[in-house]
C-alpha atoms as a PDB file:
ATOM      1  CA  MET A   1      -8.170 -12.534  38.527  1.00  0.00           C
ATOM      2  CA  ASN A   2      -6.661  -9.005  40.239  1.00  0.00           C
ATOM      3  CA  ARG A   3      -2.473  -9.614  40.652  1.00  0.00           C
ATOM      4  CA  TRP A   4      -1.749  -8.094  43.122  1.00  0.00           C
ATOM      5  CA  ARG A   5      -4.916  -9.929  45.792  1.00  0.00           C
ATOM      6  CA  SER A   6      -3.459 -13.178  44.738  1.00  0.00           C
ATOM      7  CA  GLY A   7       0.108 -12.598  44.777  1.00  0.00           C
ATOM      8  CA  TRP A   8       3.168 -13.570  47.428  1.00  0.00           C
ATOM      9  CA  LEU A   9       2.099  -9.939  49.250  1.00  0.00           C
ATOM     10  CA  GLY A  10      -1.817 -10.190  49.476  1.00  0.00           C
ATOM     11  CA  GLY A  11      -4.446  -6.829  49.047  1.00  0.00           C
ATOM     12  CA  TRP A  12      -2.501  -5.609  52.227  1.00  0.00           C
ATOM     13  CA  GLY A  13       0.717  -6.415  51.819  1.00  0.00           C
ATOM     14  CA  ALA A  14       1.424  -3.845  48.703  1.00  0.00           C
ATOM     15  CA  ARG A  15      -0.504  -1.526  50.765  1.00  0.00           C
ATOM     16  CA  VAL A  16       1.582  -1.560  53.291  1.00  0.00           C
ATOM     17  CA  LEU A  17       4.959  -1.918  51.001  1.00  0.00           C
ATOM     18  CA  ALA A  18       4.259   1.415  49.469  1.00  0.00           C
ATOM     19  CA  VAL A  19       3.321   3.189  52.416  1.00  0.00           C
ATOM     20  CA  VAL A  20       6.940   1.758  53.809  1.00  0.00           C
ATOM     21  CA  LEU A  21       8.687   2.691  50.799  1.00  0.00           C
ATOM     22  CA  MET A  22       7.307   6.128  51.124  1.00  0.00           C
ATOM     23  CA  ALA A  23       8.321   6.640  54.546  1.00  0.00           C
ATOM     24  CA  ALA A  24      11.838   5.110  54.184  1.00  0.00           C
ATOM     25  CA  LEU A  25      12.209   7.623  51.122  1.00  0.00           C
ATOM     26  CA  LEU A  26      10.781  10.885  53.713  1.00  0.00           C
ATOM     27  CA  PRO A  27      14.491  12.216  55.296  1.00  0.00           C
ATOM     28  CA  ALA A  28      14.874  12.987  52.310  1.00  0.00           C
ATOM     29  CA  CYS A  29      12.862  15.728  51.013  1.00  0.00           C
ATOM     30  CA  GLN A  30      13.352  18.812  52.065  1.00  0.00           C
ATOM     31  CA  THR A  31      10.281  21.443  53.247  1.00  0.00           C
ATOM     32  CA  ALA A  32       9.845  23.645  55.202  1.00  0.00           C
ATOM     33  CA  ALA A  33       7.060  24.361  57.009  1.00  0.00           C
ATOM     34  CA  ALA A  34       5.932  27.703  54.870  1.00  0.00           C
ATOM     35  CA  GLN A  35       5.730  25.473  52.079  1.00  0.00           C
ATOM     36  CA  ILE A  36       2.704  23.387  53.182  1.00  0.00           C
ATOM     37  CA  TYR A  37       1.576  25.919  55.258  1.00  0.00           C
ATOM     38  CA  ILE A  38       1.409  28.736  53.198  1.00  0.00           C
ATOM     39  CA  PRO A  39      -0.336  26.551  49.664  1.00  0.00           C
ATOM     40  CA  LEU A  40      -3.042  25.301  52.552  1.00  0.00           C
ATOM     41  CA  ALA A  41      -4.489  28.830  53.811  1.00  0.00           C
ATOM     42  CA  TYR A  42      -4.895  29.477  50.024  1.00  0.00           C
ATOM     43  CA  GLY A  43      -6.767  26.836  49.559  1.00  0.00           C
ATOM     44  CA  LEU A  44      -9.196  27.414  52.773  1.00  0.00           C
ATOM     45  CA  THR A  45      -9.402  30.656  51.137  1.00  0.00           C
ATOM     46  CA  GLY A  46     -10.331  30.013  47.565  1.00  0.00           C
ATOM     47  CA  LEU A  47     -12.231  27.067  49.489  1.00  0.00           C
ATOM     48  CA  CYS A  48     -14.010  29.601  51.523  1.00  0.00           C
ATOM     49  CA  ILE A  49     -14.732  32.164  48.654  1.00  0.00           C
ATOM     50  CA  ALA A  50     -15.884  29.540  46.516  1.00  0.00           C
ATOM     51  CA  LEU A  51     -18.096  28.493  48.346  1.00  0.00           C
ATOM     52  CA  LEU A  52     -20.260  32.470  48.966  1.00  0.00           C
ATOM     53  CA  VAL A  53     -20.057  32.138  45.692  1.00  0.00           C
ATOM     54  CA  SER A  54     -21.801  28.662  44.477  1.00  0.00           C
ATOM     55  CA  PRO A  55     -22.146  25.865  47.401  1.00  0.00           C
ATOM     56  CA  THR A  56     -21.944  22.536  45.790  1.00  0.00           C
ATOM     57  CA  PRO A  57     -19.291  20.620  46.202  1.00  0.00           C
ATOM     58  CA  THR A  58     -17.353  21.257  43.174  1.00  0.00           C
ATOM     59  CA  ALA A  59     -17.445  24.408  43.543  1.00  0.00           C
ATOM     60  CA  ALA A  60     -15.321  23.236  47.032  1.00  0.00           C
ATOM     61  CA  LEU A  61     -13.480  21.519  45.377  1.00  0.00           C
ATOM     62  CA  VAL A  62     -12.301  23.362  42.600  1.00  0.00           C
ATOM     63  CA  GLY A  63     -12.166  26.372  45.035  1.00  0.00           C
ATOM     64  CA  LEU A  64      -9.702  24.586  47.117  1.00  0.00           C
ATOM     65  CA  LEU A  65      -7.677  23.304  44.564  1.00  0.00           C
ATOM     66  CA  VAL A  66      -7.090  26.671  42.799  1.00  0.00           C
ATOM     67  CA  GLY A  67      -6.483  28.358  46.181  1.00  0.00           C
ATOM     68  CA  ALA A  68      -3.909  25.681  46.700  1.00  0.00           C
ATOM     69  CA  LEU A  69      -2.080  25.946  43.231  1.00  0.00           C
ATOM     70  CA  LEU A  70      -1.640  30.219  43.907  1.00  0.00           C
ATOM     71  CA  GLY A  71      -0.884  29.124  46.880  1.00  0.00           C
ATOM     72  CA  ALA A  72       2.066  27.248  45.792  1.00  0.00           C
ATOM     73  CA  ALA A  73       3.436  29.320  42.766  1.00  0.00           C
ATOM     74  CA  LEU A  74       3.261  32.916  45.322  1.00  0.00           C
ATOM     75  CA  TYR A  75       5.592  30.243  47.026  1.00  0.00           C
ATOM     76  CA  ASN A  76       7.810  29.220  44.455  1.00  0.00           C
ATOM     77  CA  ASN A  77       8.187  32.234  43.094  1.00  0.00           C
ATOM     78  CA  SER A  78       8.485  35.206  45.252  1.00  0.00           C
ATOM     79  CA  LEU A  79       8.851  32.952  49.297  1.00  0.00           C
ATOM     80  CA  LYS A  80      10.813  30.119  48.456  1.00  0.00           C
ATOM     81  CA  ARG A  81      14.196  31.948  49.081  1.00  0.00           C
ATOM     82  CA  HIS A  82      13.742  34.236  51.945  1.00  0.00           C
ATOM     83  CA  PHE A  83      12.196  31.109  53.511  1.00  0.00           C
ATOM     84  CA  LEU A  84      15.538  28.262  52.631  1.00  0.00           C
ATOM     85  CA  GLU A  85      18.210  31.453  53.206  1.00  0.00           C
ATOM     86  CA  ARG A  86      16.236  31.999  56.350  1.00  0.00           C
ATOM     87  CA  HIS A  87      16.397  28.000  56.965  1.00  0.00           C
ATOM     88  CA  ARG A  88      20.222  27.409  56.547  1.00  0.00           C
ATOM     89  CA  VAL A  89      21.210  30.447  58.349  1.00  0.00           C
ATOM     90  CA  ASP A  90      19.108  28.487  61.010  1.00  0.00           C
ATOM     91  CA  GLN A  91      20.584  25.554  60.505  1.00  0.00           C
ATOM     92  CA  LYS A  92      24.886  27.189  61.311  1.00  0.00           C
END
């Protein structure tokens, strides 16, 4: 018997509790728009290139993941300091 379904929270209660906990911790995350959009742009570019080479769902997934990983690495290594410094100046 599934412990989560028969517990005091029920099946949906555990999911609601998880979403509420994530929403409560979200303000502690310091994110900038570039932190999301740069990996997303690289991921979509990788997806398009992979679909041009081989139009399969597996290629699309691999292209998206590799592109997003490259975009995250690019942001983390070279652009992170630039965007965070500008963000601090804007707050003052």
